């Protein structure tokens, strides 16, 4: 099991629940308020990578970055530039970071360089989402639509381009 540290000591650690031994894997002392995406985002399916949300101490700004717990590395900071983050998560294969923000809006970033792949500015298309691999082997986001034309229905969007 992985965690983001205790008592303000930002780091990524592993915890052996049987022996109750915690081991620091990645030092994140340059950040405060670290979390697995404010809402407990997912790791990749293989369990290697996760998106981390934290406040960079030097600039006082919130950023997202990818950690690789197997190689014990941290990727570059991705600036949020005015995004009021609600949650973020890694896609199953680690290709994308999916961000829920500004009261149920959605933005998908390239996990390697942080560039925006697509953004949905309509309310809740989808909301309360999760990321999965569909029957066609595409990485998708699935959740309940909160506005027309799909209001109240479960919708699926391709992470590669936002299509439904």
N, C-alpha and C. Protein backbone atom coordinates (compact mmCIF):
# COMPACT_ATOMS: atom_id res chain seq x y z
N UNK A 1 0.84 -1.16 0.00
CA UNK A 1 0.00 0.00 0.00
C UNK A 1 0.90 1.24 0.00
N UNK A 2 0.47 2.26 -0.77
CA UNK A 2 1.25 3.49 -0.85
C UNK A 2 0.54 4.63 -0.12
N UNK A 3 1.31 5.59 0.36
CA UNK A 3 0.76 6.74 1.07
C UNK A 3 1.60 7.97 0.75
N UNK A 4 1.09 9.15 1.16
CA UNK A 4 1.78 10.41 0.86
C UNK A 4 2.49 11.01 2.06
N UNK A 5 2.76 10.25 3.07
CA UNK A 5 3.54 10.75 4.20
C UNK A 5 2.68 11.16 5.37
N UNK A 6 3.33 11.40 6.49
CA UNK A 6 2.64 11.75 7.73
C UNK A 6 3.20 13.05 8.28
N UNK A 7 2.39 13.72 9.06
CA UNK A 7 2.82 14.90 9.83
C UNK A 7 3.51 15.97 8.99
N UNK A 8 2.99 16.25 7.80
CA UNK A 8 3.54 17.31 6.98
C UNK A 8 4.82 16.95 6.24
N UNK A 9 5.32 15.73 6.41
CA UNK A 9 6.52 15.28 5.71
C UNK A 9 6.11 14.69 4.36
N UNK A 10 6.04 15.53 3.33
CA UNK A 10 5.57 15.04 2.03
C UNK A 10 6.57 14.08 1.41
N UNK A 11 6.10 12.91 1.14
CA UNK A 11 6.87 11.90 0.43
C UNK A 11 5.90 10.82 -0.03
N UNK A 12 6.36 9.99 -0.94
CA UNK A 12 5.60 8.80 -1.31
C UNK A 12 6.25 7.65 -0.58
N UNK A 13 5.44 6.90 0.13
CA UNK A 13 5.98 5.78 0.89
C UNK A 13 5.17 4.53 0.66
N UNK A 14 5.77 3.42 1.01
CA UNK A 14 5.04 2.15 0.98
C UNK A 14 4.83 1.70 2.43
N UNK A 15 3.73 1.02 2.66
CA UNK A 15 3.40 0.55 3.99
C UNK A 15 3.06 -0.92 3.93
N UNK A 16 3.81 -1.72 4.63
CA UNK A 16 3.52 -3.14 4.75
C UNK A 16 2.56 -3.29 5.91
N UNK A 17 1.30 -3.59 5.62
CA UNK A 17 0.28 -3.62 6.66
C UNK A 17 0.45 -4.79 7.63
N UNK A 18 1.12 -5.85 7.20
CA UNK A 18 1.34 -7.00 8.07
C UNK A 18 2.40 -6.69 9.13
N UNK A 19 3.52 -6.11 8.69
CA UNK A 19 4.62 -5.81 9.63
C UNK A 19 4.52 -4.41 10.21
N UNK A 20 3.62 -3.59 9.65
CA UNK A 20 3.45 -2.19 10.05
C UNK A 20 4.74 -1.38 9.85
N UNK A 21 5.44 -1.70 8.76
CA UNK A 21 6.67 -0.97 8.43
C UNK A 21 6.40 -0.06 7.23
N UNK A 22 6.74 1.21 7.39
CA UNK A 22 6.59 2.20 6.33
C UNK A 22 7.97 2.58 5.81
N UNK A 23 8.09 2.65 4.48
CA UNK A 23 9.37 2.97 3.85
C UNK A 23 9.19 4.15 2.91
N UNK A 24 10.01 5.19 3.06
CA UNK A 24 9.96 6.33 2.15
C UNK A 24 10.58 5.93 0.82
N UNK A 25 9.83 6.18 -0.27
CA UNK A 25 10.31 5.84 -1.62
C UNK A 25 10.76 7.07 -2.40
N UNK A 26 9.99 8.16 -2.32
CA UNK A 26 10.27 9.37 -3.09
C UNK A 26 10.13 10.58 -2.17
N UNK A 27 11.19 11.34 -2.02
CA UNK A 27 11.19 12.53 -1.18
C UNK A 27 10.50 13.68 -1.91
N UNK A 28 9.51 14.28 -1.27
CA UNK A 28 8.80 15.41 -1.86
C UNK A 28 8.85 16.62 -0.92
N UNK A 29 10.00 16.85 -0.30
CA UNK A 29 10.13 17.92 0.70
C UNK A 29 9.95 19.32 0.11
N UNK A 30 9.97 19.44 -1.22
CA UNK A 30 9.76 20.74 -1.85
C UNK A 30 8.27 21.09 -1.96
N UNK A 31 7.40 20.22 -1.43
CA UNK A 31 5.95 20.38 -1.55
C UNK A 31 5.28 20.23 -0.19
N UNK A 32 4.08 20.80 -0.08
CA UNK A 32 3.21 20.56 1.06
C UNK A 32 1.87 20.08 0.53
N UNK A 33 1.03 19.60 1.42
CA UNK A 33 -0.35 19.21 1.08
C UNK A 33 -0.42 18.20 -0.06
N UNK A 34 0.49 17.25 -0.08
CA UNK A 34 0.51 16.24 -1.15
C UNK A 34 -0.63 15.24 -0.97
N UNK A 35 -1.24 14.85 -2.09
CA UNK A 35 -2.29 13.84 -2.05
C UNK A 35 -2.33 13.10 -3.38
N UNK A 36 -2.99 11.97 -3.36
CA UNK A 36 -3.23 11.22 -4.59
C UNK A 36 -4.41 11.85 -5.32
N UNK A 37 -4.31 13.12 -5.62
CA UNK A 37 -5.28 13.79 -6.47
C UNK A 37 -6.52 14.33 -5.81
N UNK A 38 -6.48 14.69 -4.53
CA UNK A 38 -7.66 15.29 -3.88
C UNK A 38 -8.91 14.49 -4.23
N UNK A 39 -9.13 13.42 -3.62
CA UNK A 39 -10.25 12.56 -3.93
C UNK A 39 -9.76 11.16 -4.20
N UNK A 40 -8.51 10.93 -3.85
CA UNK A 40 -7.89 9.60 -3.96
C UNK A 40 -7.95 9.04 -5.37
N UNK A 41 -7.14 9.60 -6.23
CA UNK A 41 -7.05 9.15 -7.61
C UNK A 41 -6.45 7.77 -7.72
N UNK A 42 -6.57 7.21 -8.90
CA UNK A 42 -6.10 5.85 -9.17
C UNK A 42 -4.63 5.82 -9.57
N UNK A 43 -3.99 4.70 -9.26
CA UNK A 43 -2.70 4.36 -9.85
C UNK A 43 -2.98 3.76 -11.23
N UNK A 44 -1.93 3.63 -12.04
CA UNK A 44 -2.07 2.89 -13.29
C UNK A 44 -2.42 1.44 -12.95
N UNK A 45 -2.95 0.73 -13.92
CA UNK A 45 -3.37 -0.66 -13.70
C UNK A 45 -2.23 -1.52 -13.18
N UNK A 46 -1.01 -1.28 -13.65
CA UNK A 46 0.13 -2.07 -13.18
C UNK A 46 0.63 -1.64 -11.80
N UNK A 47 0.05 -0.56 -11.26
CA UNK A 47 0.42 -0.10 -9.92
C UNK A 47 1.70 0.70 -9.85
N UNK A 48 2.25 1.08 -11.00
CA UNK A 48 3.55 1.76 -11.03
C UNK A 48 3.48 3.28 -10.84
N UNK A 49 2.45 3.93 -11.40
CA UNK A 49 2.43 5.40 -11.45
C UNK A 49 1.13 5.96 -10.89
N UNK A 50 1.24 7.18 -10.35
CA UNK A 50 0.08 7.91 -9.86
C UNK A 50 0.29 9.40 -10.09
N UNK A 51 -0.82 10.13 -10.20
CA UNK A 51 -0.77 11.59 -10.27
C UNK A 51 -0.84 12.12 -8.84
N UNK A 52 0.06 13.04 -8.52
CA UNK A 52 0.12 13.64 -7.19
C UNK A 52 -0.19 15.13 -7.30
N UNK A 53 -1.02 15.60 -6.40
CA UNK A 53 -1.39 17.01 -6.31
C UNK A 53 -0.69 17.57 -5.08
N UNK A 54 -0.01 18.69 -5.22
CA UNK A 54 0.68 19.27 -4.08
C UNK A 54 0.97 20.74 -4.28
N UNK A 55 1.34 21.40 -3.21
CA UNK A 55 1.68 22.82 -3.26
C UNK A 55 3.19 22.96 -3.24
N UNK A 56 3.73 23.56 -4.31
CA UNK A 56 5.17 23.79 -4.40
C UNK A 56 5.54 24.92 -3.44
N UNK A 57 6.40 24.63 -2.50
CA UNK A 57 6.74 25.59 -1.45
C UNK A 57 7.40 26.84 -2.02
N UNK A 58 8.32 26.69 -2.96
CA UNK A 58 9.08 27.83 -3.48
C UNK A 58 8.21 28.88 -4.15
N UNK A 59 7.13 28.46 -4.80
CA UNK A 59 6.28 29.41 -5.52
C UNK A 59 4.92 29.60 -4.86
N UNK A 60 4.57 28.71 -3.95
CA UNK A 60 3.26 28.80 -3.30
C UNK A 60 2.11 28.44 -4.21
N UNK A 61 2.40 27.71 -5.28
CA UNK A 61 1.36 27.34 -6.24
C UNK A 61 1.12 25.83 -6.23
N UNK A 62 -0.10 25.47 -6.59
CA UNK A 62 -0.45 24.05 -6.67
C UNK A 62 -0.11 23.49 -8.03
N UNK A 63 0.42 22.28 -8.03
CA UNK A 63 0.84 21.60 -9.25
C UNK A 63 0.41 20.13 -9.17
N UNK A 64 0.49 19.47 -10.31
CA UNK A 64 0.32 18.02 -10.40
C UNK A 64 1.60 17.47 -11.00
N UNK A 65 2.00 16.30 -10.55
CA UNK A 65 3.13 15.61 -11.16
C UNK A 65 2.91 14.12 -11.04
N UNK A 66 3.61 13.38 -11.87
CA UNK A 66 3.49 11.92 -11.88
C UNK A 66 4.65 11.33 -11.10
N UNK A 67 4.34 10.36 -10.24
CA UNK A 67 5.39 9.61 -9.56
C UNK A 67 5.39 8.18 -10.07
N UNK A 68 6.57 7.61 -10.16
CA UNK A 68 6.76 6.21 -10.54
C UNK A 68 7.34 5.51 -9.31
N UNK A 69 6.51 4.72 -8.63
CA UNK A 69 6.95 4.11 -7.37
C UNK A 69 7.92 2.96 -7.58
N UNK A 70 7.92 2.35 -8.77
CA UNK A 70 8.85 1.26 -9.05
C UNK A 70 10.26 1.81 -9.24
N UNK A 71 10.38 2.86 -10.07
CA UNK A 71 11.69 3.47 -10.33
C UNK A 71 12.05 4.57 -9.34
N UNK A 72 11.11 4.88 -8.43
CA UNK A 72 11.30 5.89 -7.39
C UNK A 72 11.66 7.26 -7.97
N UNK A 73 10.87 7.66 -8.97
CA UNK A 73 11.12 8.94 -9.65
C UNK A 73 9.87 9.82 -9.62
N UNK A 74 10.11 11.11 -9.78
CA UNK A 74 9.06 12.12 -9.87
C UNK A 74 9.18 12.83 -11.21
N UNK A 75 8.07 12.99 -11.90
CA UNK A 75 8.07 13.71 -13.17
C UNK A 75 8.02 15.21 -12.95
N UNK A 76 8.07 15.98 -14.05
CA UNK A 76 8.06 17.44 -13.96
C UNK A 76 6.72 17.97 -13.44
N UNK A 77 6.76 19.14 -12.82
CA UNK A 77 5.54 19.79 -12.35
C UNK A 77 4.69 20.22 -13.53
N UNK A 78 3.39 20.05 -13.38
CA UNK A 78 2.41 20.52 -14.35
C UNK A 78 1.66 21.65 -13.67
N UNK A 79 1.81 22.86 -14.20
CA UNK A 79 1.16 24.03 -13.63
C UNK A 79 -0.34 23.95 -13.85
N UNK A 80 -1.12 24.37 -12.86
CA UNK A 80 -2.58 24.30 -12.97
C UNK A 80 -3.19 25.58 -13.53
N UNK A 81 -2.46 26.68 -13.54
CA UNK A 81 -2.89 27.92 -14.18
C UNK A 81 -4.37 28.25 -13.98
N UNK A 82 -4.76 28.46 -12.74
CA UNK A 82 -6.12 28.90 -12.45
C UNK A 82 -7.16 27.81 -12.35
N UNK A 83 -6.77 26.57 -12.52
CA UNK A 83 -7.72 25.47 -12.38
C UNK A 83 -7.98 25.26 -10.89
N UNK A 84 -9.25 25.26 -10.52
CA UNK A 84 -9.67 24.98 -9.15
C UNK A 84 -9.92 23.48 -9.06
N UNK A 85 -8.87 22.73 -8.72
CA UNK A 85 -8.90 21.28 -8.79
C UNK A 85 -9.86 20.67 -7.77
N UNK A 86 -10.71 19.76 -8.25
CA UNK A 86 -11.56 18.96 -7.38
C UNK A 86 -10.93 17.58 -7.17
N UNK A 87 -10.36 17.01 -8.23
CA UNK A 87 -9.71 15.71 -8.14
C UNK A 87 -8.87 15.47 -9.39
N UNK A 88 -7.96 14.51 -9.31
CA UNK A 88 -7.20 14.10 -10.48
C UNK A 88 -6.82 12.64 -10.33
N UNK A 89 -6.59 11.99 -11.46
CA UNK A 89 -6.27 10.57 -11.44
C UNK A 89 -5.46 10.21 -12.68
N UNK A 90 -4.73 9.12 -12.61
CA UNK A 90 -4.00 8.59 -13.76
C UNK A 90 -4.92 7.70 -14.57
N UNK A 91 -4.72 7.66 -15.87
CA UNK A 91 -5.44 6.69 -16.69
C UNK A 91 -4.83 5.31 -16.47
N UNK A 92 -5.55 4.25 -16.83
CA UNK A 92 -5.08 2.89 -16.55
C UNK A 92 -3.69 2.57 -17.09
N UNK A 93 -3.35 3.08 -18.26
CA UNK A 93 -2.04 2.79 -18.85
C UNK A 93 -1.01 3.88 -18.56
N UNK A 94 -1.41 4.95 -17.90
CA UNK A 94 -0.49 6.03 -17.57
C UNK A 94 -0.29 7.03 -18.69
N UNK A 95 -1.15 7.00 -19.68
CA UNK A 95 -1.05 7.90 -20.82
C UNK A 95 -1.56 9.30 -20.50
N UNK A 96 -2.59 9.37 -19.65
CA UNK A 96 -3.28 10.63 -19.38
C UNK A 96 -3.43 10.88 -17.88
N UNK A 97 -3.57 12.16 -17.54
CA UNK A 97 -4.01 12.58 -16.22
C UNK A 97 -5.38 13.22 -16.44
N UNK A 98 -6.37 12.76 -15.71
CA UNK A 98 -7.73 13.29 -15.83
C UNK A 98 -7.99 14.17 -14.61
N UNK A 99 -8.41 15.40 -14.88
CA UNK A 99 -8.63 16.38 -13.82
C UNK A 99 -10.10 16.78 -13.79
N UNK A 100 -10.72 16.63 -12.63
CA UNK A 100 -12.04 17.20 -12.39
C UNK A 100 -11.81 18.54 -11.71
N UNK A 101 -12.44 19.59 -12.21
CA UNK A 101 -12.15 20.93 -11.68
C UNK A 101 -13.31 21.89 -11.86
N UNK A 102 -13.20 23.03 -11.21
CA UNK A 102 -14.13 24.15 -11.35
C UNK A 102 -15.59 23.69 -11.35
N UNK A 103 -15.96 22.92 -10.33
CA UNK A 103 -17.35 22.45 -10.16
C UNK A 103 -17.83 21.61 -11.34
N UNK A 104 -17.23 20.47 -11.50
CA UNK A 104 -17.66 19.45 -12.46
C UNK A 104 -17.31 19.72 -13.92
N UNK A 105 -16.14 20.28 -14.15
CA UNK A 105 -15.59 20.37 -15.50
C UNK A 105 -14.48 19.33 -15.59
N UNK A 106 -14.09 18.96 -16.80
CA UNK A 106 -13.12 17.89 -16.99
C UNK A 106 -12.03 18.33 -17.96
N UNK A 107 -10.77 18.07 -17.61
CA UNK A 107 -9.64 18.32 -18.50
C UNK A 107 -8.76 17.09 -18.51
N UNK A 108 -8.30 16.71 -19.70
CA UNK A 108 -7.42 15.56 -19.85
C UNK A 108 -6.06 16.07 -20.34
N UNK A 109 -5.00 15.68 -19.62
CA UNK A 109 -3.64 16.09 -19.94
C UNK A 109 -2.82 14.90 -20.39
N UNK A 110 -1.83 15.16 -21.25
CA UNK A 110 -0.84 14.15 -21.59
C UNK A 110 0.03 13.96 -20.35
N UNK A 111 0.14 12.73 -19.87
CA UNK A 111 0.88 12.47 -18.62
C UNK A 111 2.38 12.68 -18.77
N UNK A 112 2.90 12.61 -19.99
CA UNK A 112 4.35 12.78 -20.19
C UNK A 112 4.80 14.23 -20.15
N UNK A 113 4.00 15.13 -20.72
CA UNK A 113 4.46 16.52 -20.81
C UNK A 113 3.47 17.55 -20.26
N UNK A 114 2.29 17.10 -19.82
CA UNK A 114 1.32 18.01 -19.22
C UNK A 114 0.51 18.84 -20.18
N UNK A 115 0.67 18.63 -21.49
CA UNK A 115 -0.12 19.40 -22.44
C UNK A 115 -1.58 18.95 -22.41
N UNK A 116 -2.47 19.91 -22.65
CA UNK A 116 -3.89 19.59 -22.66
C UNK A 116 -4.24 18.78 -23.90
N UNK A 117 -4.92 17.67 -23.71
CA UNK A 117 -5.40 16.83 -24.81
C UNK A 117 -6.79 17.29 -25.20
N UNK A 118 -7.67 17.46 -24.23
CA UNK A 118 -8.99 18.04 -24.46
C UNK A 118 -9.58 18.49 -23.13
N UNK A 119 -10.60 19.34 -23.24
CA UNK A 119 -11.27 19.86 -22.06
C UNK A 119 -12.75 19.94 -22.32
N UNK A 120 -13.55 19.62 -21.31
CA UNK A 120 -15.00 19.72 -21.40
C UNK A 120 -15.46 20.80 -20.45
N UNK A 121 -16.08 21.83 -20.99
CA UNK A 121 -16.50 22.94 -20.16
C UNK A 121 -17.99 22.94 -19.84
N UNK A 122 -18.71 21.94 -20.35
CA UNK A 122 -20.12 21.78 -19.98
C UNK A 122 -20.18 21.09 -18.63
N UNK A 123 -21.15 21.43 -17.83
CA UNK A 123 -21.29 20.93 -16.48
C UNK A 123 -21.49 19.41 -16.46
N UNK A 124 -20.57 18.70 -15.79
CA UNK A 124 -20.73 17.29 -15.49
C UNK A 124 -20.86 16.35 -16.67
N UNK A 125 -20.00 16.45 -17.65
CA UNK A 125 -20.04 15.54 -18.81
C UNK A 125 -18.75 14.74 -18.92
N UNK A 126 -18.47 13.77 -18.07
CA UNK A 126 -19.30 13.25 -16.99
C UNK A 126 -18.87 13.78 -15.62
N UNK A 127 -19.70 13.44 -14.63
CA UNK A 127 -19.41 13.74 -13.24
C UNK A 127 -19.24 12.41 -12.49
N UNK A 128 -18.69 12.46 -11.30
CA UNK A 128 -18.49 11.25 -10.48
C UNK A 128 -17.91 10.13 -11.35
N UNK A 129 -16.79 10.43 -11.97
CA UNK A 129 -16.23 9.54 -12.99
C UNK A 129 -15.18 8.59 -12.46
N UNK A 130 -14.90 7.60 -13.28
CA UNK A 130 -13.75 6.72 -13.07
C UNK A 130 -13.13 6.47 -14.43
N UNK A 131 -11.89 6.05 -14.45
CA UNK A 131 -11.19 5.76 -15.70
C UNK A 131 -11.00 4.26 -15.83
N UNK A 132 -11.16 3.77 -17.06
CA UNK A 132 -11.11 2.33 -17.32
C UNK A 132 -10.57 2.08 -18.72
N UNK A 133 -10.42 0.81 -19.06
CA UNK A 133 -10.13 0.39 -20.43
C UNK A 133 -11.40 -0.29 -20.93
N UNK A 134 -11.92 0.16 -22.07
CA UNK A 134 -13.19 -0.38 -22.56
C UNK A 134 -13.00 -1.64 -23.41
N UNK A 135 -14.09 -2.13 -23.96
CA UNK A 135 -14.10 -3.37 -24.74
C UNK A 135 -13.26 -3.27 -26.01
N UNK A 136 -12.95 -2.06 -26.46
CA UNK A 136 -12.11 -1.86 -27.65
C UNK A 136 -10.67 -1.53 -27.28
N UNK A 137 -10.31 -1.70 -26.02
CA UNK A 137 -8.97 -1.42 -25.49
C UNK A 137 -8.61 0.05 -25.47
N UNK A 138 -9.61 0.93 -25.46
CA UNK A 138 -9.38 2.37 -25.35
C UNK A 138 -9.43 2.79 -23.89
N UNK A 139 -8.57 3.75 -23.52
CA UNK A 139 -8.67 4.34 -22.20
C UNK A 139 -9.85 5.32 -22.22
N UNK A 140 -10.76 5.18 -21.26
CA UNK A 140 -11.99 5.97 -21.25
C UNK A 140 -12.26 6.51 -19.85
N UNK A 141 -13.08 7.55 -19.82
CA UNK A 141 -13.63 8.07 -18.57
C UNK A 141 -15.13 7.79 -18.62
N UNK A 142 -15.67 7.27 -17.52
CA UNK A 142 -17.08 6.89 -17.44
C UNK A 142 -17.68 7.53 -16.21
N UNK A 143 -18.88 8.10 -16.38
CA UNK A 143 -19.56 8.70 -15.24
C UNK A 143 -20.96 9.14 -15.62
N UNK A 144 -21.64 9.77 -14.69
CA UNK A 144 -23.01 10.23 -14.88
C UNK A 144 -22.99 11.64 -15.46
N UNK A 145 -23.79 11.84 -16.52
CA UNK A 145 -23.93 13.16 -17.12
C UNK A 145 -24.87 14.01 -16.28
N UNK A 146 -24.52 15.28 -16.11
CA UNK A 146 -25.34 16.19 -15.32
C UNK A 146 -25.95 17.31 -16.16
N UNK A 147 -25.78 17.24 -17.48
CA UNK A 147 -26.40 18.26 -18.33
C UNK A 147 -26.75 17.64 -19.68
N UNK A 148 -27.57 18.36 -20.44
CA UNK A 148 -28.03 17.90 -21.75
C UNK A 148 -26.85 17.71 -22.69
N UNK A 149 -26.92 16.83 -23.62
CA UNK A 149 -28.09 16.04 -24.00
C UNK A 149 -28.19 14.69 -23.28
N UNK A 150 -27.29 14.40 -22.37
CA UNK A 150 -27.25 13.08 -21.74
C UNK A 150 -27.63 13.12 -20.26
N UNK A 151 -28.28 14.18 -19.81
CA UNK A 151 -28.56 14.39 -18.39
C UNK A 151 -29.13 13.13 -17.72
N UNK A 152 -28.45 12.69 -16.66
CA UNK A 152 -28.90 11.54 -15.89
C UNK A 152 -28.43 10.19 -16.40
N UNK A 153 -27.82 10.15 -17.57
CA UNK A 153 -27.36 8.89 -18.15
C UNK A 153 -25.88 8.67 -17.85
N UNK A 154 -25.47 7.42 -17.85
CA UNK A 154 -24.06 7.09 -17.74
C UNK A 154 -23.44 7.27 -19.12
N UNK A 155 -22.35 8.03 -19.20
CA UNK A 155 -21.69 8.25 -20.48
C UNK A 155 -20.23 7.82 -20.40
N UNK A 156 -19.69 7.51 -21.58
CA UNK A 156 -18.29 7.10 -21.70
C UNK A 156 -17.65 8.02 -22.73
N UNK A 157 -16.45 8.53 -22.40
CA UNK A 157 -15.71 9.38 -23.34
C UNK A 157 -14.31 8.82 -23.51
N UNK A 158 -13.83 8.83 -24.74
CA UNK A 158 -12.47 8.41 -25.02
C UNK A 158 -11.49 9.45 -24.48
N UNK A 159 -10.49 8.99 -23.75
CA UNK A 159 -9.50 9.93 -23.21
C UNK A 159 -8.63 10.51 -24.31
N UNK A 160 -8.49 9.82 -25.42
CA UNK A 160 -7.62 10.29 -26.50
C UNK A 160 -8.14 11.54 -27.19
N UNK A 161 -9.48 11.71 -27.24
CA UNK A 161 -10.03 12.85 -27.98
C UNK A 161 -11.34 13.41 -27.41
N UNK A 162 -11.88 12.82 -26.37
CA UNK A 162 -13.10 13.33 -25.75
C UNK A 162 -14.40 12.89 -26.39
N UNK A 163 -14.33 12.11 -27.46
CA UNK A 163 -15.56 11.69 -28.12
C UNK A 163 -16.34 10.71 -27.25
N UNK A 164 -17.67 10.73 -27.44
CA UNK A 164 -18.54 9.81 -26.69
C UNK A 164 -18.87 8.60 -27.52
